PDB file of N, CA and C in Angstrom:
ATOM      1  N   MET A   1      25.337  -6.895   9.022  1.00  0.00           N
ATOM      2  CA  MET A   1      24.743  -6.315   7.980  1.00  0.00           C
ATOM      3  C   MET A   1      23.877  -5.794   8.082  1.00  0.00           C
ATOM      4  N   LYS A   2      23.321  -5.655   6.200  1.00  0.00           N
ATOM      5  CA  LYS A   2      22.571  -4.419   6.248  1.00  0.00           C
ATOM      6  C   LYS A   2      21.413  -4.395   7.073  1.00  0.00           C
ATOM      7  N   SER A   3      20.546  -3.380   7.224  1.00  0.00           N
ATOM      8  CA  SER A   3      19.275  -3.741   8.012  1.00  0.00           C
ATOM      9  C   SER A   3      18.835  -3.868   6.925  1.00  0.00           C
ATOM     10  N   TRP A   4      18.314  -4.562   5.557  1.00  0.00           N
ATOM     11  CA  TRP A   4      16.814  -5.862   4.774  1.00  0.00           C
ATOM     12  C   TRP A   4      17.327  -6.738   6.047  1.00  0.00           C
ATOM     13  N   GLN A   5      18.779  -6.981   4.897  1.00  0.00           N
ATOM     14  CA  GLN A   5      18.830  -9.040   6.054  1.00  0.00           C
ATOM     15  C   GLN A   5      18.810  -9.134   7.809  1.00  0.00           C
ATOM     16  N   VAL A   6      19.172  -7.901   8.400  1.00  0.00           N
ATOM     17  CA  VAL A   6      18.247  -7.987   9.607  1.00  0.00           C
ATOM     18  C   VAL A   6      17.051  -8.772   9.276  1.00  0.00           C
ATOM     19  N   VAL A   7      15.944  -7.692   8.668  1.00  0.00           N
ATOM     20  CA  VAL A   7      14.039  -7.736   8.805  1.00  0.00           C
ATOM     21  C   VAL A   7      14.124  -8.740   8.731  1.00  0.00           C
ATOM     22  N   ARG A   8      14.924  -9.155   7.418  1.00  0.00           N
ATOM     23  CA  ARG A   8      14.189 -10.318   7.134  1.00  0.00           C
ATOM     24  C   ARG A   8      14.766 -12.098   7.838  1.00  0.00           C
ATOM     25  N   LEU A   9      16.152 -12.110   8.721  1.00  0.00           N
ATOM     26  CA  LEU A   9      16.686 -12.796   9.857  1.00  0.00           C
ATOM     27  C   LEU A   9      15.976 -12.835  10.353  1.00  0.00           C
ATOM     28  N   MET A  10      15.538 -11.357  12.076  1.00  0.00           N
ATOM     29  CA  MET A  10      13.866 -11.425  12.780  1.00  0.00           C
ATOM     30  C   MET A  10      13.211 -11.643  12.739  1.00  0.00           C
ATOM     31  N   ALA A  11      12.445 -12.020  11.039  1.00  0.00           N
ATOM     32  CA  ALA A  11      11.077 -12.500  10.659  1.00  0.00           C
ATOM     33  C   ALA A  11      11.003 -13.572  10.434  1.00  0.00           C
ATOM     34  N   GLY A  12      12.189 -14.082  10.044  1.00  0.00           N
ATOM     35  CA  GLY A  12      12.323 -15.341  10.188  1.00  0.00           C
ATOM     36  C   GLY A  12      12.264 -16.414  11.273  1.00  0.00           C
ATOM     37  N   VAL A  13      13.110 -16.331  12.252  1.00  0.00           N
ATOM     38  CA  VAL A  13      13.359 -16.633  13.946  1.00  0.00           C
ATOM     39  C   VAL A  13      12.088 -15.428  14.502  1.00  0.00           C
ATOM     40  N   PHE A  14      11.311 -14.971  14.100  1.00  0.00           N
ATOM     41  CA  PHE A  14       8.998 -14.335  14.728  1.00  0.00           C
ATOM     42  C   PHE A  14       8.807 -15.522  14.107  1.00  0.00           C
ATOM     43  N   ILE A  15       8.947 -15.736  12.802  1.00  0.00           N
ATOM     44  CA  ILE A  15       7.513 -17.257  12.713  1.00  0.00           C
ATOM     45  C   ILE A  15       8.491 -18.037  13.228  1.00  0.00           C
ATOM     46  N   LEU A  16       8.981 -18.745  12.602  1.00  0.00           N
ATOM     47  CA  LEU A  16       9.667 -19.652  13.637  1.00  0.00           C
ATOM     48  C   LEU A  16       9.543 -20.463  15.537  1.00  0.00           C
ATOM     49  N   LEU A  17       9.984 -19.289  16.291  1.00  0.00           N
ATOM     50  CA  LEU A  17       9.854 -19.474  17.390  1.00  0.00           C
ATOM     51  C   LEU A  17       8.634 -19.115  17.992  1.00  0.00           C
ATOM     52  N   SER A  18       7.248 -18.474  17.127  1.00  0.00           N
ATOM     53  CA  SER A  18       6.401 -18.595  16.980  1.00  0.00           C
ATOM     54  C   SER A  18       5.186 -19.231  17.119  1.00  0.00           C
ATOM     55  N   LEU A  19       5.655 -20.414  15.563  1.00  0.00           N
ATOM     56  CA  LEU A  19       4.803 -21.390  15.426  1.00  0.00           C
ATOM     57  C   LEU A  19       5.685 -22.900  15.922  1.00  0.00           C
ATOM     58  N   ALA A  20       7.000 -22.852  16.451  1.00  0.00           N
ATOM     59  CA  ALA A  20       7.090 -23.580  17.592  1.00  0.00           C
ATOM     60  C   ALA A  20       6.375 -23.804  19.330  1.00  0.00           C
ATOM     61  N   LEU A  21       5.715 -22.320  19.698  1.00  0.00           N
ATOM     62  CA  LEU A  21       5.011 -22.002  20.668  1.00  0.00           C
ATOM     63  C   LEU A  21       3.663 -22.258  20.809  1.00  0.00           C
ATOM     64  N   GLY A  22       3.326 -22.093  19.221  1.00  0.00           N
ATOM     65  CA  GLY A  22       2.070 -22.557  18.906  1.00  0.00           C
ATOM     66  C   GLY A  22       1.491 -23.500  18.830  1.00  0.00           C
ATOM     67  N   MET A  23       2.643 -24.689  18.228  1.00  0.00           N
ATOM     68  CA  MET A  23       1.736 -25.588  17.179  1.00  0.00           C
ATOM     69  C   MET A  23       1.942 -26.722  18.300  1.00  0.00           C
ATOM     70  N   PRO A  24       0.673 -27.319  18.889  1.00  0.00           N
ATOM     71  CA  PRO A  24       0.654 -28.778  19.446  1.00  0.00           C
ATOM     72  C   PRO A  24       1.568 -29.510  20.233  1.00  0.00           C
ATOM     73  N   GLY A  25       1.963 -30.300  19.395  1.00  0.00           N
ATOM     74  CA  GLY A  25       3.376 -30.955  18.726  1.00  0.00           C
ATOM     75  C   GLY A  25       4.368 -30.523  19.565  1.00  0.00           C
ATOM     76  N   SER A  26       5.058 -29.352  20.130  1.00  0.00           N
ATOM     77  CA  SER A  26       6.158 -28.996  19.183  1.00  0.00           C
ATOM     78  C   SER A  26       6.190 -29.234  21.501  1.00  0.00           C
ATOM     79  N   PRO A  27       8.061 -29.860  21.096  1.00  0.00           N
ATOM     80  CA  PRO A  27       8.426 -29.474  23.442  1.00  0.00           C
ATOM     81  C   PRO A  27       8.344 -28.062  23.609  1.00  0.00           C
ATOM     82  N   ILE A  28       8.153 -27.200  23.397  1.00  0.00           N
ATOM     83  CA  ILE A  28       7.709 -25.866  23.436  1.00  0.00           C
ATOM     84  C   ILE A  28       6.448 -25.736  23.629  1.00  0.00           C
ATOM     85  N   PHE A  29       5.715 -25.964  23.211  1.00  0.00           N
ATOM     86  CA  PHE A  29       4.159 -25.564  22.573  1.00  0.00           C
ATOM     87  C   PHE A  29       3.403 -24.747  24.199  1.00  0.00           C
ATOM     88  N   VAL A  30       3.159 -23.948  23.197  1.00  0.00           N
ATOM     89  CA  VAL A  30       2.514 -22.615  25.559  1.00  0.00           C
ATOM     90  C   VAL A  30       1.812 -22.651  25.008  1.00  0.00           C
ATOM     91  N   SER A  31       0.874 -21.750  24.151  1.00  0.00           N
ATOM     92  CA  SER A  31      -0.653 -22.085  23.309  1.00  0.00           C
ATOM     93  C   SER A  31      -0.656 -21.454  22.119  1.00  0.00           C
ATOM     94  N   SER A  32      -2.395 -21.904  21.639  1.00  0.00           N
ATOM     95  CA  SER A  32      -2.207 -22.405  20.235  1.00  0.00           C
ATOM     96  C   SER A  32      -3.004 -20.419  19.489  1.00  0.00           C
ATOM     97  N   LEU A  33      -2.713 -19.432  20.718  1.00  0.00           N
ATOM     98  CA  LEU A  33      -3.199 -17.921  20.169  1.00  0.00           C
ATOM     99  C   LEU A  33      -1.522 -17.449  19.778  1.00  0.00           C
ATOM    100  N   TRP A  34      -0.782 -18.096  19.661  1.00  0.00           N
ATOM    101  CA  TRP A  34       0.807 -17.616  19.965  1.00  0.00           C
ATOM    102  C   TRP A  34       0.367 -17.987  18.359  1.00  0.00           C
ATOM    103  N   LEU A  35       0.436 -18.211  17.454  1.00  0.00           N
ATOM    104  CA  LEU A  35       0.012 -18.202  15.551  1.00  0.00           C
ATOM    105  C   LEU A  35      -0.561 -17.274  15.574  1.00  0.00           C
ATOM    106  N   TRP A  36      -0.918 -16.003  16.221  1.00  0.00           N
ATOM    107  CA  TRP A  36      -1.605 -15.413  15.363  1.00  0.00           C
ATOM    108  C   TRP A  36      -0.829 -14.295  15.115  1.00  0.00           C
ATOM    109  N   PHE A  37       0.536 -14.919  16.154  1.00  0.00           N
ATOM    110  CA  PHE A  37       1.844 -13.422  15.681  1.00  0.00           C
ATOM    111  C   PHE A  37       2.804 -13.871  14.237  1.00  0.00           C
ATOM    112  N   THR A  38       2.312 -15.444  14.294  1.00  0.00           N
ATOM    113  CA  THR A  38       3.480 -16.219  13.211  1.00  0.00           C
ATOM    114  C   THR A  38       2.266 -15.343  11.843  1.00  0.00           C
ATOM    115  N   ALA A  39       1.053 -15.283  12.098  1.00  0.00           N
ATOM    116  CA  ALA A  39       0.545 -14.595  11.404  1.00  0.00           C
ATOM    117  C   ALA A  39       0.246 -12.651  10.133  1.00  0.00           C
ATOM    118  N   PHE A  40       1.052 -12.291  12.085  1.00  0.00           N
ATOM    119  CA  PHE A  40       1.168 -10.705  12.501  1.00  0.00           C
ATOM    120  C   PHE A  40       2.256 -10.322  11.761  1.00  0.00           C
ATOM    121  N   VAL A  41       3.166 -11.507  11.830  1.00  0.00           N
ATOM    122  CA  VAL A  41       4.509 -11.952  10.285  1.00  0.00           C
ATOM    123  C   VAL A  41       4.649 -11.484   9.100  1.00  0.00           C
ATOM    124  N   GLY A  42       4.067 -12.178   8.443  1.00  0.00           N
ATOM    125  CA  GLY A  42       3.122 -12.604   6.925  1.00  0.00           C
ATOM    126  C   GLY A  42       2.717 -11.021   6.922  1.00  0.00           C
ATOM    127  N   VAL A  43       1.525 -11.122   7.467  1.00  0.00           N
ATOM    128  CA  VAL A  43       1.004 -10.030   6.984  1.00  0.00           C
ATOM    129  C   VAL A  43       1.849  -8.895   7.045  1.00  0.00           C
ATOM    130  N   ASN A  44       2.732  -8.586   7.505  1.00  0.00           N
ATOM    131  CA  ASN A  44       3.430  -7.017   7.941  1.00  0.00           C
ATOM    132  C   ASN A  44       4.789  -7.136   7.069  1.00  0.00           C
ATOM    133  N   LEU A  45       4.785  -8.930   6.619  1.00  0.00           N
ATOM    134  CA  LEU A  45       5.906  -8.840   5.560  1.00  0.00           C
ATOM    135  C   LEU A  45       5.608  -8.477   4.399  1.00  0.00           C
ATOM    136  N   LEU A  46       3.743  -8.895   3.529  1.00  0.00           N
ATOM    137  CA  LEU A  46       2.981  -8.664   2.490  1.00  0.00           C
ATOM    138  C   LEU A  46       3.067  -7.670   1.809  1.00  0.00           C
ATOM    139  N   GLN A  47       2.439  -6.376   3.550  1.00  0.00           N
ATOM    140  CA  GLN A  47       2.713  -4.723   2.977  1.00  0.00           C
ATOM    141  C   GLN A  47       3.350  -4.381   2.915  1.00  0.00           C
ATOM    142  N   SER A  48       4.972  -5.099   3.864  1.00  0.00           N
ATOM    143  CA  SER A  48       6.252  -4.342   3.038  1.00  0.00           C
ATOM    144  C   SER A  48       6.564  -4.256   1.658  1.00  0.00           C
ATOM    145  N   ALA A  49       6.030  -5.159   1.176  1.00  0.00           N
ATOM    146  CA  ALA A  49       6.404  -5.487  -0.320  1.00  0.00           C
ATOM    147  C   ALA A  49       5.884  -4.782  -1.588  1.00  0.00           C
ATOM    148  N   VAL A  50       3.867  -5.096  -0.849  1.00  0.00           N
ATOM    149  CA  VAL A  50       3.206  -4.124  -1.473  1.00  0.00           C
ATOM    150  C   VAL A  50       3.155  -2.457  -1.676  1.00  0.00           C
ATOM    151  N   THR A  51       3.982  -2.437  -0.648  1.00  0.00           N
ATOM    152  CA  THR A  51       4.237  -0.347   0.201  1.00  0.00           C
ATOM    153  C   THR A  51       5.455  -0.161  -0.237  1.00  0.00           C
ATOM    154  N   HIS A  52       6.577  -1.078  -0.166  1.00  0.00           N
ATOM    155  CA  HIS A  52       7.810  -1.014  -0.415  1.00  0.00           C
ATOM    156  C   HIS A  52       8.332  -0.058   1.080  1.00  0.00           C
ATOM    157  N   TRP A  53       7.961   0.239   2.761  1.00  0.00           N
ATOM    158  CA  TRP A  53       7.639   0.459   3.619  1.00  0.00           C
ATOM    159  C   TRP A  53       8.024  -0.157   4.731  1.00  0.00           C
ATOM    160  N   CYS A  54       8.456  -0.049   5.612  1.00  0.00           N
ATOM    161  CA  CYS A  54       9.145  -0.927   6.774  1.00  0.00           C
ATOM    162  C   CYS A  54       9.597  -0.893   7.327  1.00  0.00           C
ATOM    163  N   LEU A  55       8.554  -0.443   8.774  1.00  0.00           N
ATOM    164  CA  LEU A  55       8.700  -0.158  10.103  1.00  0.00           C
ATOM    165  C   LEU A  55       9.928  -0.599  10.720  1.00  0.00           C
ATOM    166  N   MET A  56       9.747  -1.484  10.610  1.00  0.00           N
ATOM    167  CA  MET A  56      11.418  -1.729  11.691  1.00  0.00           C
ATOM    168  C   MET A  56      12.467  -2.219  10.697  1.00  0.00           C
ATOM    169  N   GLU A  57      12.260  -1.793   9.716  1.00  0.00           N
ATOM    170  CA  GLU A  57      13.566  -1.179   8.407  1.00  0.00           C
ATOM    171  C   GLU A  57      13.748  -0.081   9.710  1.00  0.00           C
ATOM    172  N   ASN A  58      12.753   1.003   9.511  1.00  0.00           N
ATOM    173  CA  ASN A  58      12.975   2.323  10.420  1.00  0.00           C
ATOM    174  C   ASN A  58      13.511   2.678  11.681  1.00  0.00           C
ATOM    175  N   ILE A  59      13.094   1.706  12.698  1.00  0.00           N
ATOM    176  CA  ILE A  59      13.122   0.363  13.405  1.00  0.00           C
ATOM    177  C   ILE A  59      14.996   0.711  13.412  1.00  0.00           C
ATOM    178  N   LEU A  60      15.553  -0.063  12.657  1.00  0.00           N
ATOM    179  CA  LEU A  60      17.008  -0.927  12.677  1.00  0.00           C
ATOM    180  C   LEU A  60      17.542   0.920  12.646  1.00  0.00           C
ATOM    181  N   ARG A  61      17.066   1.407  11.043  1.00  0.00           N
ATOM    182  CA  ARG A  61      17.848   2.424  11.081  1.00  0.00           C
ATOM    183  C   ARG A  61      18.860   3.407  11.844  1.00  0.00           C
ATOM    184  N   LYS A  62      17.336   3.084  12.835  1.00  0.00           N
ATOM    185  CA  LYS A  62      17.769   4.933  13.762  1.00  0.00           C
ATOM    186  C   LYS A  62      18.047   4.602  14.388  1.00  0.00           C
ATOM    187  N   LEU A  63      18.716   3.123  15.111  1.00  0.00           N
ATOM    188  CA  LEU A  63      19.480   2.235  15.919  1.00  0.00           C
ATOM    189  C   LEU A  63      20.717   2.218  15.574  1.00  0.00           C
ATOM    190  N   GLY A  64      21.148   2.777  14.134  1.00  0.00           N
ATOM    191  CA  GLY A  64      22.151   2.362  13.980  1.00  0.00           C
ATOM    192  C   GLY A  64      23.308   1.345  12.529  1.00  0.00           C
ATOM    193  N   VAL A  65      21.875   0.884  12.067  1.00  0.00           N
ATOM    194  CA  VAL A  65      22.138   0.022  11.723  1.00  0.00           C
ATOM    195  C   VAL A  65      22.184  -0.243  10.246  1.00  0.00           C
ATOM    196  N   GLU A  66      23.300  -0.230   9.526  1.00  0.00           N
ATOM    197  CA  GLU A  66      23.468   0.393   8.065  1.00  0.00           C
ATOM    198  C   GLU A  66      22.172  -0.186   7.097  1.00  0.00           C
ATOM    199  N   PRO A  67      22.137   0.793   6.032  1.00  0.00           N
ATOM    200  CA  PRO A  67      21.156   0.940   4.720  1.00  0.00           C
ATOM    201  C   PRO A  67      21.398  -0.319   4.132  1.00  0.00           C
ATOM    202  N   GLY A  68      20.772  -1.013   3.242  1.00  0.00           N
ATOM    203  CA  GLY A  68      21.268  -1.535   2.123  1.00  0.00           C
ATOM    204  C   GLY A  68      20.207  -1.702   0.993  1.00  0.00           C
ATOM    205  N   CYS A  69      20.049  -2.028  -0.048  1.00  0.00           N
ATOM    206  CA  CYS A  69      19.276  -2.455  -1.433  1.00  0.00           C
ATOM    207  C   CYS A  69      19.642  -3.518  -1.432  1.00  0.00           C
TER     208      CYS A  69
END
């Protein structure tokens, strides 16, 4: 997988997990405060779309994940 694919995969996992942890009807509900993490991931996705810079992608590249278009 290329670094941009890993970033999108991780964002999707983080969003779904934080929703599951933050929604009161979920079987793994912990606290509604987890919804702030969902918002944080969404804001980072918007920021990276506007600025064309993503910290997670930089970290993945330093860890040896192949960069890609």
